[in-house]
C-alpha cells in the first residue's frame, strides 16, 4: 500500500507531532527526520494533513479497536477485566500522545474521525454490554450511558496519566490498576 519512503515520512510526521504538536511539526523537520528532501513530501502526499490521514490508517498509529475485540461471557468482573485489558493493550501512551498532538484547528475535520473512532467503539460496546447485563438482572438499573462514560474515563485516565507522567506519578502496575478498579467498579453495580 505505502512504500518505504512514504512510511518513513509518516513515521517522522507522527513522531514530531507527539513531540511538538501538529502546528509545530514543520515539513522541513519532517523531511530531515525521514531522511528525504522536503519536495519529496509534497510529491508523495501533497500536504502535511494528507500525511496524517494516511498515517492514521496504519496499525502503528491507530489502535484499530473494533467491536469484535470485545467478547464476553456474562460475568461482570471477568468481562470488564477483559475489556480493560484489551483497551489498554491497544490504546497505548503513544496513541494518547498522538491524539493530543493532533488537536489543532488546522486538522479539525481531517483527524477527528480517526481520533474519535476508539472512544466511540468502546462506548458502543459498553452501552450494549451494560444494557444486556441489566436486562439479564446481573446489575443494578442505572444510566448505561453514564456507566459507559465512567468506565471509559477510568481506563483512558490511566493511559493518559501514564503517557503524561509515567512512573513519576503511577506507582502501581497496569495489571494491578485494572484488577483493583474493576473490583471496585463491579461492587457498585452488581446485584
N, C-alpha and C. Protein backbone atom coordinates (compact mmCIF):
# COMPACT_ATOMS: atom_id res chain seq x y z
N UNK A 1 0.83 -1.20 0.00
CA UNK A 1 0.00 0.00 0.00
C UNK A 1 0.87 1.26 0.00
N UNK A 2 1.75 1.38 0.99
CA UNK A 2 2.67 2.52 1.04
C UNK A 2 4.09 2.00 0.88
N UNK A 3 4.91 2.76 0.18
CA UNK A 3 6.30 2.34 0.01
C UNK A 3 7.14 2.79 1.21
N UNK A 4 8.40 2.37 1.22
CA UNK A 4 9.29 2.63 2.34
C UNK A 4 9.46 4.13 2.61
N UNK A 5 9.57 4.91 1.55
CA UNK A 5 9.74 6.36 1.70
C UNK A 5 8.50 6.98 2.34
N UNK A 6 7.33 6.58 1.90
CA UNK A 6 6.09 7.11 2.48
C UNK A 6 5.98 6.75 3.96
N UNK A 7 6.35 5.53 4.31
CA UNK A 7 6.29 5.11 5.71
C UNK A 7 7.27 5.91 6.56
N UNK A 8 8.47 6.16 6.03
CA UNK A 8 9.44 7.00 6.76
C UNK A 8 8.86 8.40 6.99
N UNK A 9 8.22 8.94 5.98
CA UNK A 9 7.63 10.28 6.10
C UNK A 9 6.50 10.27 7.13
N UNK A 10 5.64 9.24 7.09
CA UNK A 10 4.53 9.16 8.05
C UNK A 10 5.06 9.00 9.47
N UNK A 11 6.04 8.12 9.64
CA UNK A 11 6.61 7.91 10.98
C UNK A 11 7.27 9.18 11.51
N UNK A 12 8.01 9.87 10.66
CA UNK A 12 8.66 11.11 11.07
C UNK A 12 7.60 12.16 11.45
N UNK A 13 6.56 12.25 10.66
CA UNK A 13 5.49 13.21 10.93
C UNK A 13 4.84 12.95 12.28
N UNK A 14 4.46 11.70 12.52
CA UNK A 14 3.77 11.37 13.76
C UNK A 14 4.70 11.52 14.96
N UNK A 15 5.97 11.19 14.80
CA UNK A 15 6.94 11.37 15.89
C UNK A 15 7.05 12.85 16.26
N UNK A 16 7.13 13.71 15.25
CA UNK A 16 7.23 15.15 15.52
C UNK A 16 5.92 15.70 16.10
N UNK A 17 4.80 15.15 15.67
CA UNK A 17 3.51 15.59 16.22
C UNK A 17 3.44 15.25 17.71
N UNK A 18 3.94 14.08 18.08
CA UNK A 18 3.98 13.71 19.50
C UNK A 18 4.83 14.72 20.27
N UNK A 19 5.97 15.08 19.72
CA UNK A 19 6.90 15.98 20.40
C UNK A 19 6.46 17.44 20.41
N UNK A 20 5.91 17.90 19.26
CA UNK A 20 5.68 19.34 19.09
C UNK A 20 4.24 19.73 18.76
N UNK A 21 3.39 18.76 18.54
CA UNK A 21 2.04 19.06 18.11
C UNK A 21 2.00 19.25 16.60
N UNK A 22 0.80 19.22 16.05
CA UNK A 22 0.65 19.31 14.59
C UNK A 22 1.23 20.62 14.05
N UNK A 23 0.87 21.72 14.64
CA UNK A 23 1.32 23.02 14.14
C UNK A 23 2.84 23.18 14.27
N UNK A 24 3.44 22.58 15.27
CA UNK A 24 4.88 22.71 15.49
C UNK A 24 5.73 21.80 14.63
N UNK A 25 5.11 20.80 14.01
CA UNK A 25 5.85 19.86 13.15
C UNK A 25 5.91 20.42 11.73
N UNK A 26 7.05 20.97 11.35
CA UNK A 26 7.18 21.57 10.01
C UNK A 26 7.59 20.52 8.99
N UNK A 27 7.27 20.77 7.73
CA UNK A 27 7.66 19.84 6.67
C UNK A 27 9.18 19.77 6.54
N UNK A 28 9.86 20.84 6.85
CA UNK A 28 11.34 20.85 6.82
C UNK A 28 11.88 19.85 7.86
N UNK A 29 11.31 19.89 9.07
CA UNK A 29 11.74 18.96 10.13
C UNK A 29 11.34 17.52 9.79
N UNK A 30 10.15 17.37 9.21
CA UNK A 30 9.70 16.02 8.82
C UNK A 30 10.67 15.43 7.80
N UNK A 31 11.05 16.23 6.81
CA UNK A 31 11.98 15.77 5.77
C UNK A 31 13.32 15.38 6.39
N UNK A 32 13.83 16.21 7.30
CA UNK A 32 15.11 15.92 7.95
C UNK A 32 15.04 14.59 8.70
N UNK A 33 13.98 14.42 9.52
CA UNK A 33 13.85 13.22 10.33
C UNK A 33 13.63 11.97 9.46
N UNK A 34 12.92 12.12 8.35
CA UNK A 34 12.65 11.00 7.46
C UNK A 34 13.83 10.70 6.53
N UNK A 35 14.76 11.63 6.45
CA UNK A 35 15.91 11.44 5.57
C UNK A 35 15.57 11.61 4.10
N UNK A 36 14.64 12.52 3.82
CA UNK A 36 14.23 12.79 2.43
C UNK A 36 14.28 14.29 2.17
N UNK A 37 14.18 14.65 0.91
CA UNK A 37 14.11 16.05 0.53
C UNK A 37 12.69 16.55 0.81
N UNK A 38 12.57 17.80 1.22
CA UNK A 38 11.25 18.35 1.52
C UNK A 38 10.30 18.25 0.33
N UNK A 39 10.82 18.39 -0.89
CA UNK A 39 9.96 18.30 -2.08
C UNK A 39 9.37 16.89 -2.23
N UNK A 40 10.06 15.88 -1.71
CA UNK A 40 9.55 14.51 -1.76
C UNK A 40 8.24 14.40 -0.97
N UNK A 41 8.16 15.11 0.14
CA UNK A 41 6.94 15.09 0.95
C UNK A 41 5.75 15.59 0.13
N UNK A 42 5.96 16.69 -0.55
CA UNK A 42 4.86 17.28 -1.33
C UNK A 42 4.52 16.42 -2.54
N UNK A 43 5.52 15.78 -3.15
CA UNK A 43 5.23 14.90 -4.29
C UNK A 43 4.46 13.65 -3.84
N UNK A 44 4.82 13.12 -2.68
CA UNK A 44 4.20 11.87 -2.22
C UNK A 44 2.84 12.09 -1.55
N UNK A 45 2.67 13.23 -0.87
CA UNK A 45 1.45 13.43 -0.09
C UNK A 45 0.69 14.72 -0.40
N UNK A 46 1.32 15.67 -0.97
CA UNK A 46 0.62 16.94 -1.23
C UNK A 46 0.79 17.92 -0.08
N UNK A 47 0.28 17.55 1.08
CA UNK A 47 0.40 18.44 2.24
C UNK A 47 0.47 17.62 3.53
N UNK A 48 0.83 18.29 4.60
CA UNK A 48 1.02 17.63 5.90
C UNK A 48 -0.26 16.92 6.36
N UNK A 49 -1.38 17.52 6.13
CA UNK A 49 -2.66 16.94 6.55
C UNK A 49 -2.87 15.55 5.92
N UNK A 50 -2.46 15.40 4.67
CA UNK A 50 -2.60 14.11 3.99
C UNK A 50 -1.68 13.05 4.58
N UNK A 51 -0.53 13.47 5.07
CA UNK A 51 0.39 12.53 5.73
C UNK A 51 -0.29 11.96 6.98
N UNK A 52 -0.89 12.85 7.76
CA UNK A 52 -1.55 12.44 9.00
C UNK A 52 -2.71 11.48 8.69
N UNK A 53 -3.52 11.84 7.72
CA UNK A 53 -4.66 10.99 7.34
C UNK A 53 -4.19 9.61 6.94
N UNK A 54 -3.11 9.54 6.16
CA UNK A 54 -2.57 8.24 5.74
C UNK A 54 -2.00 7.48 6.93
N UNK A 55 -1.25 8.16 7.78
CA UNK A 55 -0.64 7.51 8.95
C UNK A 55 -1.68 6.93 9.88
N UNK A 56 -2.81 7.61 10.01
CA UNK A 56 -3.88 7.14 10.91
C UNK A 56 -4.50 5.83 10.43
N UNK A 57 -4.18 5.40 9.21
CA UNK A 57 -4.66 4.11 8.71
C UNK A 57 -3.74 2.97 9.11
N UNK A 58 -2.51 3.30 9.53
CA UNK A 58 -1.53 2.27 9.86
C UNK A 58 -1.69 1.80 11.30
N UNK A 59 -1.53 0.50 11.55
CA UNK A 59 -1.66 -0.01 12.92
C UNK A 59 -0.70 0.65 13.91
N UNK A 60 0.45 1.07 13.45
CA UNK A 60 1.42 1.71 14.35
C UNK A 60 0.87 2.99 14.95
N UNK A 61 -0.01 3.67 14.22
CA UNK A 61 -0.51 4.98 14.66
C UNK A 61 -2.00 4.98 14.96
N UNK A 62 -2.64 3.85 14.82
CA UNK A 62 -4.08 3.75 15.08
C UNK A 62 -4.33 2.42 15.79
N UNK A 63 -4.92 2.44 16.97
CA UNK A 63 -5.10 1.19 17.71
C UNK A 63 -6.01 0.18 17.04
N UNK A 64 -6.82 0.61 16.10
CA UNK A 64 -7.67 -0.34 15.38
C UNK A 64 -8.63 -1.10 16.28
N UNK A 65 -9.16 -0.43 17.27
CA UNK A 65 -10.10 -1.05 18.19
C UNK A 65 -11.41 -1.30 17.45
N UNK A 66 -11.93 -2.52 17.56
CA UNK A 66 -13.21 -2.83 16.91
C UNK A 66 -14.12 -3.55 17.90
N UNK A 67 -15.39 -3.53 17.60
CA UNK A 67 -16.37 -4.17 18.49
C UNK A 67 -16.09 -5.67 18.61
N UNK A 68 -15.51 -6.27 17.58
CA UNK A 68 -15.20 -7.69 17.59
C UNK A 68 -14.10 -8.04 18.59
N UNK A 69 -13.34 -7.04 19.03
CA UNK A 69 -12.28 -7.28 20.02
C UNK A 69 -12.86 -7.66 21.38
N UNK A 70 -14.10 -7.32 21.61
CA UNK A 70 -14.70 -7.47 22.94
C UNK A 70 -15.69 -8.62 22.96
N UNK A 71 -15.25 -9.72 23.52
CA UNK A 71 -16.09 -10.91 23.64
C UNK A 71 -16.39 -11.07 25.13
N UNK A 72 -17.63 -11.40 25.44
CA UNK A 72 -17.95 -11.53 26.86
C UNK A 72 -18.82 -12.74 27.13
N UNK A 73 -18.78 -13.16 28.41
CA UNK A 73 -19.46 -14.38 28.85
C UNK A 73 -20.65 -14.11 29.76
N UNK A 74 -20.76 -12.89 30.26
CA UNK A 74 -21.86 -12.57 31.17
C UNK A 74 -21.45 -12.47 32.62
N UNK A 75 -20.16 -12.57 32.90
CA UNK A 75 -19.64 -12.40 34.25
C UNK A 75 -19.05 -10.99 34.33
N UNK A 76 -19.70 -10.12 35.10
CA UNK A 76 -19.30 -8.70 35.13
C UNK A 76 -17.81 -8.51 35.38
N UNK A 77 -17.30 -9.11 36.43
CA UNK A 77 -15.89 -8.86 36.77
C UNK A 77 -14.94 -9.39 35.70
N UNK A 78 -15.16 -10.61 35.26
CA UNK A 78 -14.28 -11.19 34.23
C UNK A 78 -14.37 -10.45 32.91
N UNK A 79 -15.60 -10.12 32.51
CA UNK A 79 -15.79 -9.41 31.24
C UNK A 79 -15.14 -8.02 31.27
N UNK A 80 -15.37 -7.28 32.35
CA UNK A 80 -14.82 -5.92 32.42
C UNK A 80 -13.30 -5.94 32.58
N UNK A 81 -12.76 -6.96 33.25
CA UNK A 81 -11.30 -7.14 33.29
C UNK A 81 -10.76 -7.33 31.87
N UNK A 82 -11.43 -8.16 31.11
CA UNK A 82 -11.01 -8.40 29.72
C UNK A 82 -11.13 -7.12 28.90
N UNK A 83 -12.23 -6.37 29.07
CA UNK A 83 -12.43 -5.12 28.32
C UNK A 83 -11.30 -4.13 28.60
N UNK A 84 -10.98 -3.95 29.87
CA UNK A 84 -9.91 -3.00 30.24
C UNK A 84 -8.56 -3.46 29.71
N UNK A 85 -8.30 -4.75 29.81
CA UNK A 85 -7.03 -5.29 29.33
C UNK A 85 -6.87 -5.07 27.84
N UNK A 86 -7.92 -5.33 27.08
CA UNK A 86 -7.88 -5.13 25.63
C UNK A 86 -7.70 -3.65 25.31
N UNK A 87 -8.47 -2.81 25.97
CA UNK A 87 -8.39 -1.37 25.73
C UNK A 87 -6.97 -0.85 26.00
N UNK A 88 -6.42 -1.22 27.14
CA UNK A 88 -5.09 -0.69 27.49
C UNK A 88 -3.96 -1.33 26.69
N UNK A 89 -4.22 -2.48 26.13
CA UNK A 89 -3.22 -3.10 25.24
C UNK A 89 -3.16 -2.34 23.92
N UNK A 90 -4.31 -1.90 23.45
CA UNK A 90 -4.38 -1.23 22.15
C UNK A 90 -4.20 0.29 22.25
N UNK A 91 -4.76 0.88 23.28
CA UNK A 91 -4.66 2.33 23.44
C UNK A 91 -3.45 2.61 24.33
N UNK A 92 -2.32 2.74 23.68
CA UNK A 92 -1.04 2.90 24.37
C UNK A 92 -0.78 4.37 24.69
N UNK A 93 0.17 4.63 25.58
CA UNK A 93 0.56 6.02 25.81
C UNK A 93 0.96 6.74 24.53
N UNK A 94 1.59 6.01 23.59
CA UNK A 94 1.94 6.63 22.30
C UNK A 94 0.70 7.10 21.56
N UNK A 95 -0.36 6.27 21.58
CA UNK A 95 -1.61 6.65 20.90
C UNK A 95 -2.21 7.90 21.53
N UNK A 96 -2.14 7.99 22.84
CA UNK A 96 -2.67 9.16 23.54
C UNK A 96 -1.87 10.40 23.15
N UNK A 97 -0.55 10.27 23.10
CA UNK A 97 0.28 11.41 22.72
C UNK A 97 -0.01 11.86 21.29
N UNK A 98 -0.24 10.92 20.40
CA UNK A 98 -0.63 11.26 19.02
C UNK A 98 -1.95 12.02 19.04
N UNK A 99 -2.91 11.49 19.77
CA UNK A 99 -4.22 12.13 19.85
C UNK A 99 -4.12 13.57 20.35
N UNK A 100 -3.30 13.78 21.37
CA UNK A 100 -3.11 15.13 21.91
C UNK A 100 -2.40 16.00 20.88
N UNK A 101 -1.38 15.46 20.23
CA UNK A 101 -0.63 16.21 19.24
C UNK A 101 -1.44 16.62 18.03
N UNK A 102 -2.50 15.85 17.75
CA UNK A 102 -3.33 16.14 16.57
C UNK A 102 -4.43 17.16 16.85
N UNK A 103 -4.54 17.63 18.06
CA UNK A 103 -5.56 18.63 18.38
C UNK A 103 -5.11 19.98 17.84
N UNK A 104 -5.66 20.33 16.71
CA UNK A 104 -5.28 21.57 16.03
C UNK A 104 -6.44 22.04 15.16
N UNK A 105 -6.65 23.32 15.14
CA UNK A 105 -7.71 23.89 14.29
C UNK A 105 -7.46 23.55 12.83
N UNK A 106 -6.19 23.44 12.44
CA UNK A 106 -5.83 23.11 11.06
C UNK A 106 -6.31 21.72 10.64
N UNK A 107 -6.47 20.85 11.59
CA UNK A 107 -6.85 19.46 11.31
C UNK A 107 -8.30 19.14 11.67
N UNK A 108 -9.05 20.11 12.07
CA UNK A 108 -10.39 19.92 12.63
C UNK A 108 -11.16 18.77 11.98
N UNK A 109 -11.35 18.80 10.70
CA UNK A 109 -12.14 17.76 10.04
C UNK A 109 -11.36 16.52 9.66
N UNK A 110 -10.06 16.66 9.43
CA UNK A 110 -9.27 15.55 8.90
C UNK A 110 -8.94 14.48 9.95
N UNK A 111 -8.52 14.86 11.12
CA UNK A 111 -8.05 13.89 12.12
C UNK A 111 -9.14 13.45 13.09
N UNK A 112 -10.14 14.27 13.29
CA UNK A 112 -11.16 13.97 14.30
C UNK A 112 -11.84 12.61 14.12
N UNK A 113 -12.24 12.24 12.91
CA UNK A 113 -12.88 10.91 12.77
C UNK A 113 -11.96 9.77 13.22
N UNK A 114 -10.68 9.84 12.91
CA UNK A 114 -9.75 8.81 13.33
C UNK A 114 -9.56 8.77 14.83
N UNK A 115 -9.46 9.97 15.42
CA UNK A 115 -9.28 10.07 16.87
C UNK A 115 -10.53 9.59 17.60
N UNK A 116 -11.69 9.94 17.10
CA UNK A 116 -12.96 9.61 17.75
C UNK A 116 -13.35 8.15 17.61
N UNK A 117 -12.77 7.45 16.66
CA UNK A 117 -13.15 6.06 16.41
C UNK A 117 -13.01 5.19 17.65
N UNK A 118 -11.89 5.32 18.35
CA UNK A 118 -11.63 4.45 19.50
C UNK A 118 -12.64 4.66 20.63
N UNK A 119 -12.83 5.89 21.14
CA UNK A 119 -13.82 6.03 22.21
C UNK A 119 -15.24 5.70 21.77
N UNK A 120 -15.57 5.96 20.52
CA UNK A 120 -16.93 5.64 20.05
C UNK A 120 -17.15 4.12 20.01
N UNK A 121 -16.17 3.37 19.54
CA UNK A 121 -16.29 1.91 19.52
C UNK A 121 -16.42 1.38 20.94
N UNK A 122 -15.55 1.86 21.83
CA UNK A 122 -15.56 1.39 23.22
C UNK A 122 -16.90 1.73 23.88
N UNK A 123 -17.39 2.92 23.62
CA UNK A 123 -18.67 3.34 24.21
C UNK A 123 -19.82 2.46 23.69
N UNK A 124 -19.85 2.18 22.38
CA UNK A 124 -20.91 1.32 21.83
C UNK A 124 -20.90 -0.06 22.48
N UNK A 125 -19.70 -0.61 22.62
CA UNK A 125 -19.57 -1.94 23.24
C UNK A 125 -20.09 -1.90 24.67
N UNK A 126 -19.67 -0.90 25.43
CA UNK A 126 -20.05 -0.81 26.84
C UNK A 126 -21.54 -0.57 27.02
N UNK A 127 -22.13 0.32 26.23
CA UNK A 127 -23.57 0.58 26.33
C UNK A 127 -24.35 -0.71 26.03
N UNK A 128 -23.95 -1.41 24.99
CA UNK A 128 -24.62 -2.68 24.64
C UNK A 128 -24.45 -3.69 25.78
N UNK A 129 -23.24 -3.80 26.29
CA UNK A 129 -22.94 -4.76 27.36
C UNK A 129 -23.75 -4.44 28.62
N UNK A 130 -23.71 -3.19 29.07
CA UNK A 130 -24.43 -2.82 30.29
C UNK A 130 -25.94 -2.96 30.11
N UNK A 131 -26.44 -2.70 28.92
CA UNK A 131 -27.87 -2.88 28.64
C UNK A 131 -28.25 -4.36 28.77
N UNK A 132 -27.42 -5.24 28.20
CA UNK A 132 -27.68 -6.68 28.28
C UNK A 132 -27.58 -7.19 29.72
N UNK A 133 -26.58 -6.74 30.44
CA UNK A 133 -26.40 -7.20 31.83
C UNK A 133 -27.56 -6.72 32.72
N UNK A 134 -28.06 -5.52 32.45
CA UNK A 134 -29.22 -5.01 33.21
C UNK A 134 -30.45 -5.85 32.88
N UNK A 135 -30.67 -6.12 31.60
CA UNK A 135 -31.83 -6.92 31.17
C UNK A 135 -31.78 -8.34 31.75
N UNK A 136 -30.59 -8.87 31.92
CA UNK A 136 -30.43 -10.22 32.48
C UNK A 136 -30.47 -10.22 34.01
N UNK A 137 -30.63 -9.04 34.61
CA UNK A 137 -30.71 -8.95 36.06
C UNK A 137 -29.38 -9.16 36.77
N UNK A 138 -28.29 -8.90 36.09
CA UNK A 138 -26.97 -9.11 36.68
C UNK A 138 -26.37 -7.84 37.28
N UNK A 139 -27.04 -6.71 37.03
CA UNK A 139 -26.53 -5.46 37.59
C UNK A 139 -27.68 -4.52 37.88
N UNK A 140 -27.41 -3.53 38.69
CA UNK A 140 -28.42 -2.55 39.07
C UNK A 140 -28.88 -1.75 37.86
N UNK A 141 -30.11 -1.29 37.93
CA UNK A 141 -30.62 -0.40 36.88
C UNK A 141 -30.04 0.98 37.10
N UNK A 142 -29.42 1.51 36.10
CA UNK A 142 -28.90 2.88 36.13
C UNK A 142 -28.62 3.29 34.69
N UNK A 143 -28.19 4.50 34.50
CA UNK A 143 -27.91 5.01 33.17
C UNK A 143 -26.71 4.28 32.56
N UNK A 144 -26.96 3.50 31.52
CA UNK A 144 -25.86 2.78 30.87
C UNK A 144 -24.92 3.76 30.17
N UNK A 145 -25.45 4.88 29.73
CA UNK A 145 -24.61 5.93 29.14
C UNK A 145 -23.61 6.45 30.17
N UNK A 146 -24.10 6.75 31.37
CA UNK A 146 -23.21 7.23 32.43
C UNK A 146 -22.18 6.18 32.82
N UNK A 147 -22.61 4.93 32.94
CA UNK A 147 -21.68 3.85 33.29
C UNK A 147 -20.60 3.70 32.22
N UNK A 148 -21.02 3.75 30.96
CA UNK A 148 -20.05 3.62 29.87
C UNK A 148 -19.02 4.75 29.94
N UNK A 149 -19.47 5.97 30.16
CA UNK A 149 -18.54 7.10 30.23
C UNK A 149 -17.62 6.99 31.45
N UNK A 150 -18.15 6.50 32.57
CA UNK A 150 -17.30 6.31 33.75
C UNK A 150 -16.21 5.26 33.47
N UNK A 151 -16.61 4.19 32.82
CA UNK A 151 -15.66 3.12 32.53
C UNK A 151 -14.60 3.58 31.53
N UNK A 152 -15.02 4.30 30.51
CA UNK A 152 -14.06 4.85 29.54
C UNK A 152 -13.10 5.79 30.25
N UNK A 153 -13.63 6.67 31.08
CA UNK A 153 -12.79 7.63 31.81
C UNK A 153 -11.79 6.94 32.71
N UNK A 154 -12.22 5.90 33.38
CA UNK A 154 -11.35 5.15 34.29
C UNK A 154 -10.17 4.56 33.51
N UNK A 155 -10.44 4.02 32.33
CA UNK A 155 -9.40 3.41 31.52
C UNK A 155 -8.54 4.44 30.81
N UNK A 156 -9.18 5.41 30.18
CA UNK A 156 -8.43 6.43 29.47
C UNK A 156 -7.59 7.26 30.45
N UNK A 157 -8.14 7.51 31.62
CA UNK A 157 -7.41 8.28 32.62
C UNK A 157 -6.08 7.65 32.96
N UNK A 158 -6.06 6.34 33.14
CA UNK A 158 -4.80 5.66 33.45
C UNK A 158 -3.82 5.80 32.30
N UNK A 159 -4.28 5.55 31.07
CA UNK A 159 -3.40 5.63 29.91
C UNK A 159 -2.89 7.06 29.72
N UNK A 160 -3.78 8.04 29.90
CA UNK A 160 -3.39 9.45 29.76
C UNK A 160 -2.33 9.83 30.80
N UNK A 161 -2.55 9.46 32.04
CA UNK A 161 -1.58 9.78 33.09
C UNK A 161 -0.26 9.05 32.88
N UNK A 162 -0.33 7.83 32.38
CA UNK A 162 0.87 7.08 32.06
C UNK A 162 1.63 7.78 30.93
N UNK A 163 0.91 8.22 29.90
CA UNK A 163 1.54 8.93 28.78
C UNK A 163 2.15 10.25 29.23
N UNK A 164 1.49 10.91 30.15
CA UNK A 164 1.94 12.24 30.59
C UNK A 164 3.05 12.20 31.62
N UNK A 165 2.96 11.26 32.57
CA UNK A 165 3.88 11.29 33.70
C UNK A 165 4.62 9.98 33.97
N UNK A 166 4.13 8.88 33.42
CA UNK A 166 4.77 7.59 33.64
C UNK A 166 4.94 7.26 35.10
N UNK A 167 6.10 6.70 35.46
CA UNK A 167 6.31 6.26 36.84
C UNK A 167 6.60 7.40 37.81
N UNK A 168 6.63 8.63 37.31
CA UNK A 168 6.75 9.78 38.22
C UNK A 168 5.46 9.95 39.03
N UNK A 169 4.37 9.45 38.49
CA UNK A 169 3.07 9.56 39.17
C UNK A 169 2.51 8.19 39.51
N UNK A 170 2.59 7.27 38.57
CA UNK A 170 1.94 5.97 38.72
C UNK A 170 2.89 4.98 39.39
N UNK A 171 2.48 4.51 40.54
CA UNK A 171 3.31 3.58 41.31
C UNK A 171 2.70 2.18 41.36
N UNK A 172 1.69 1.96 40.57
CA UNK A 172 1.03 0.66 40.54
C UNK A 172 1.10 0.13 39.11
N UNK A 173 1.23 -1.18 38.96
CA UNK A 173 1.29 -1.75 37.62
C UNK A 173 -0.06 -1.61 36.93
N UNK A 174 -0.03 -1.64 35.62
CA UNK A 174 -1.26 -1.56 34.85
C UNK A 174 -2.20 -2.71 35.23
N UNK A 175 -1.64 -3.90 35.38
CA UNK A 175 -2.45 -5.07 35.74
C UNK A 175 -3.14 -4.87 37.09
N UNK A 176 -2.38 -4.40 38.08
CA UNK A 176 -2.94 -4.17 39.42
C UNK A 176 -4.01 -3.08 39.38
N UNK A 177 -3.74 -2.01 38.62
CA UNK A 177 -4.72 -0.93 38.48
C UNK A 177 -6.03 -1.47 37.90
N UNK A 178 -5.91 -2.26 36.85
CA UNK A 178 -7.11 -2.82 36.21
C UNK A 178 -7.87 -3.69 37.20
N UNK A 179 -7.18 -4.59 37.87
CA UNK A 179 -7.84 -5.50 38.81
C UNK A 179 -8.56 -4.73 39.92
N UNK A 180 -7.86 -3.79 40.54
CA UNK A 180 -8.45 -3.03 41.65
C UNK A 180 -9.62 -2.17 41.17
N UNK A 181 -9.45 -1.51 40.04
CA UNK A 181 -10.51 -0.64 39.51
C UNK A 181 -11.76 -1.42 39.16
N UNK A 182 -11.57 -2.56 38.52
CA UNK A 182 -12.72 -3.38 38.13
C UNK A 182 -13.44 -3.92 39.35
N UNK A 183 -12.69 -4.35 40.35
CA UNK A 183 -13.33 -4.88 41.57
C UNK A 183 -14.21 -3.81 42.19
N UNK A 184 -13.72 -2.60 42.33
CA UNK A 184 -14.49 -1.51 42.92
C UNK A 184 -15.67 -1.13 42.03
N UNK A 185 -15.43 -1.04 40.72
CA UNK A 185 -16.49 -0.69 39.78
C UNK A 185 -17.64 -1.70 39.84
N UNK A 186 -17.28 -2.97 39.78
CA UNK A 186 -18.30 -4.02 39.79
C UNK A 186 -19.05 -4.05 41.11
N UNK A 187 -18.37 -3.79 42.22
CA UNK A 187 -19.06 -3.80 43.52
C UNK A 187 -20.16 -2.73 43.58
N UNK A 188 -20.03 -1.70 42.79
CA UNK A 188 -21.04 -0.64 42.79
C UNK A 188 -22.23 -0.91 41.89
N UNK A 189 -22.11 -1.85 40.95
CA UNK A 189 -23.21 -2.09 40.00
C UNK A 189 -23.80 -3.48 40.07
N UNK A 190 -23.08 -4.42 40.64
CA UNK A 190 -23.51 -5.81 40.67
C UNK A 190 -24.66 -6.01 41.65
N UNK A 191 -25.58 -6.88 41.26
CA UNK A 191 -26.69 -7.25 42.16
C UNK A 191 -26.31 -8.43 43.03
